């Protein structure tokens, strides 16, 4: 299973208050994958994938990867697009990740 970090519901709900994506309807781990913890998140405003980058990824590298995803998406490539919070930041910490 590719969920290495478990996210308690109350921590998820508090984390999502920084975003305008609605309230949690359902939340479950995605078994596929080998590097990070991924969750399928359904909210009152849509479906999202929450990725927790695990310790195998250097935190200093994350802004580059998020910027690359934003660039690719803005130029027509179908790929995950980071969701920014109300403060414009897409990168945050949840459960130590």
C-alpha atoms as a PDB file:
ATOM      1  CA  UNK A   1       0.000   0.000   0.000  1.00  0.00           C
ATOM      2  CA  UNK A   2       1.301   3.455  -0.850  1.00  0.00           C
ATOM      3  CA  UNK A   3      -0.113   5.330   2.120  1.00  0.00           C
ATOM      4  CA  UNK A   4       2.834   5.841   4.421  1.00  0.00           C
ATOM      5  CA  UNK A   5       1.412   8.705   6.474  1.00  0.00           C
ATOM      6  CA  UNK A   6      -2.061   8.364   7.966  1.00  0.00           C
ATOM      7  CA  UNK A   7      -4.062  11.595   8.178  1.00  0.00           C
ATOM      8  CA  UNK A   8      -6.591  11.914  11.007  1.00  0.00           C
ATOM      9  CA  UNK A   9      -9.899  13.469   9.930  1.00  0.00           C
ATOM     10  CA  UNK A  10      -9.653  16.387  12.385  1.00  0.00           C
ATOM     11  CA  UNK A  11      -6.177  17.328  11.079  1.00  0.00           C
ATOM     12  CA  UNK A  12      -7.435  17.139   7.492  1.00  0.00           C
ATOM     13  CA  UNK A  13     -10.443  19.344   8.270  1.00  0.00           C
ATOM     14  CA  UNK A  14      -8.199  21.943   9.951  1.00  0.00           C
ATOM     15  CA  UNK A  15      -5.735  21.795   7.018  1.00  0.00           C
ATOM     16  CA  UNK A  16      -8.492  22.381   4.451  1.00  0.00           C
ATOM     17  CA  UNK A  17      -9.640  25.583   6.152  1.00  0.00           C
ATOM     18  CA  UNK A  18      -6.780  27.328   4.314  1.00  0.00           C
ATOM     19  CA  UNK A  19      -8.411  26.495   0.948  1.00  0.00           C
ATOM     20  CA  UNK A  20     -11.623  27.410  -0.857  1.00  0.00           C
ATOM     21  CA  UNK A  21     -12.445  23.864  -1.937  1.00  0.00           C
ATOM     22  CA  UNK A  22     -15.420  23.094   0.283  1.00  0.00           C
ATOM     23  CA  UNK A  23     -15.934  20.635   3.103  1.00  0.00           C
ATOM     24  CA  UNK A  24     -14.831  17.007   3.224  1.00  0.00           C
ATOM     25  CA  UNK A  25     -17.371  14.524   1.865  1.00  0.00           C
ATOM     26  CA  UNK A  26     -15.037  11.509   1.719  1.00  0.00           C
ATOM     27  CA  UNK A  27     -11.340  10.803   2.077  1.00  0.00           C
ATOM     28  CA  UNK A  28      -9.479   7.563   1.410  1.00  0.00           C
ATOM     29  CA  UNK A  29      -5.946   6.414   0.737  1.00  0.00           C
ATOM     30  CA  UNK A  30      -4.905   5.398  -2.766  1.00  0.00           C
ATOM     31  CA  UNK A  31      -3.004   2.108  -2.812  1.00  0.00           C
ATOM     32  CA  UNK A  32      -1.167   2.759  -6.091  1.00  0.00           C
ATOM     33  CA  UNK A  33       2.185   4.468  -6.069  1.00  0.00           C
ATOM     34  CA  UNK A  34       5.476   3.880  -4.332  1.00  0.00           C
ATOM     35  CA  UNK A  35       7.010   7.244  -3.360  1.00  0.00           C
ATOM     36  CA  UNK A  36       4.382   9.356  -1.600  1.00  0.00           C
ATOM     37  CA  UNK A  37       1.145   9.070   0.348  1.00  0.00           C
ATOM     38  CA  UNK A  38      -1.823   9.874  -1.903  1.00  0.00           C
ATOM     39  CA  UNK A  39      -5.437  10.333  -0.928  1.00  0.00           C
ATOM     40  CA  UNK A  40      -8.619  10.707  -2.959  1.00  0.00           C
ATOM     41  CA  UNK A  41     -10.465  13.667  -1.465  1.00  0.00           C
ATOM     42  CA  UNK A  42     -14.072  14.469  -2.343  1.00  0.00           C
ATOM     43  CA  UNK A  43     -15.366  17.812  -1.105  1.00  0.00           C
ATOM     44  CA  UNK A  44     -18.569  19.731  -1.540  1.00  0.00           C
ATOM     45  CA  UNK A  45     -16.860  21.515  -4.463  1.00  0.00           C
ATOM     46  CA  UNK A  46     -15.170  18.656  -6.300  1.00  0.00           C
ATOM     47  CA  UNK A  47     -12.639  15.830  -6.329  1.00  0.00           C
ATOM     48  CA  UNK A  48      -8.974  16.295  -5.511  1.00  0.00           C
ATOM     49  CA  UNK A  49      -5.833  14.259  -4.938  1.00  0.00           C
ATOM     50  CA  UNK A  50      -3.926  15.093  -1.775  1.00  0.00           C
ATOM     51  CA  UNK A  51      -0.256  14.139  -2.003  1.00  0.00           C
ATOM     52  CA  UNK A  52       1.994  14.032   1.029  1.00  0.00           C
ATOM     53  CA  UNK A  53       5.603  14.021  -0.081  1.00  0.00           C
ATOM     54  CA  UNK A  54       7.449  11.541   2.072  1.00  0.00           C
ATOM     55  CA  UNK A  55      10.974  11.730   3.428  1.00  0.00           C
ATOM     56  CA  UNK A  56      12.447  10.397   0.178  1.00  0.00           C
ATOM     57  CA  UNK A  57      11.805  13.831  -1.357  1.00  0.00           C
ATOM     58  CA  UNK A  58      13.946  16.806  -0.343  1.00  0.00           C
ATOM     59  CA  UNK A  59      11.687  19.642   0.862  1.00  0.00           C
ATOM     60  CA  UNK A  60      13.873  22.179  -0.990  1.00  0.00           C
ATOM     61  CA  UNK A  61      12.970  20.439  -4.282  1.00  0.00           C
ATOM     62  CA  UNK A  62       9.198  20.752  -3.831  1.00  0.00           C
ATOM     63  CA  UNK A  63       8.789  24.344  -5.103  1.00  0.00           C
ATOM     64  CA  UNK A  64      10.466  23.292  -8.376  1.00  0.00           C
ATOM     65  CA  UNK A  65       8.134  20.307  -8.850  1.00  0.00           C
ATOM     66  CA  UNK A  66       5.007  22.334  -8.050  1.00  0.00           C
ATOM     67  CA  UNK A  67       6.154  25.091 -10.408  1.00  0.00           C
ATOM     68  CA  UNK A  68       6.770  22.526 -13.131  1.00  0.00           C
ATOM     69  CA  UNK A  69       3.246  21.123 -12.743  1.00  0.00           C
ATOM     70  CA  UNK A  70       1.779  24.645 -12.911  1.00  0.00           C
ATOM     71  CA  UNK A  71       3.844  25.434 -16.024  1.00  0.00           C
ATOM     72  CA  UNK A  72       2.895  22.211 -17.800  1.00  0.00           C
ATOM     73  CA  UNK A  73      -0.788  22.642 -16.981  1.00  0.00           C
ATOM     74  CA  UNK A  74      -0.769  26.289 -18.119  1.00  0.00           C
ATOM     75  CA  UNK A  75       0.711  25.162 -21.436  1.00  0.00           C
ATOM     76  CA  UNK A  76      -1.957  22.578 -22.204  1.00  0.00           C
ATOM     77  CA  UNK A  77      -0.467  19.374 -20.823  1.00  0.00           C
ATOM     78  CA  UNK A  78      -2.941  17.310 -18.859  1.00  0.00           C
ATOM     79  CA  UNK A  79      -1.326  16.806 -15.473  1.00  0.00           C
ATOM     80  CA  UNK A  80      -2.089  17.402 -11.799  1.00  0.00           C
ATOM     81  CA  UNK A  81      -2.408  21.099 -11.053  1.00  0.00           C
ATOM     82  CA  UNK A  82      -1.437  22.307  -7.578  1.00  0.00           C
ATOM     83  CA  UNK A  83      -4.240  24.028  -5.669  1.00  0.00           C
ATOM     84  CA  UNK A  84      -3.264  27.199  -3.872  1.00  0.00           C
ATOM     85  CA  UNK A  85      -4.802  28.245  -0.592  1.00  0.00           C
ATOM     86  CA  UNK A  86      -6.435  31.586   0.043  1.00  0.00           C
ATOM     87  CA  UNK A  87      -2.966  33.051   0.654  1.00  0.00           C
ATOM     88  CA  UNK A  88      -1.706  31.937  -2.774  1.00  0.00           C
ATOM     89  CA  UNK A  89       0.516  29.176  -1.373  1.00  0.00           C
ATOM     90  CA  UNK A  90       0.181  25.629  -2.748  1.00  0.00           C
ATOM     91  CA  UNK A  91       2.825  24.046  -0.530  1.00  0.00           C
ATOM     92  CA  UNK A  92       1.912  23.349   3.095  1.00  0.00           C
ATOM     93  CA  UNK A  93       2.714  20.848   5.816  1.00  0.00           C
ATOM     94  CA  UNK A  94       0.261  18.226   7.064  1.00  0.00           C
ATOM     95  CA  UNK A  95       1.136  15.469   9.556  1.00  0.00           C
ATOM     96  CA  UNK A  96       4.813  16.372   9.383  1.00  0.00           C
ATOM     97  CA  UNK A  97       4.922  16.032   5.575  1.00  0.00           C
END
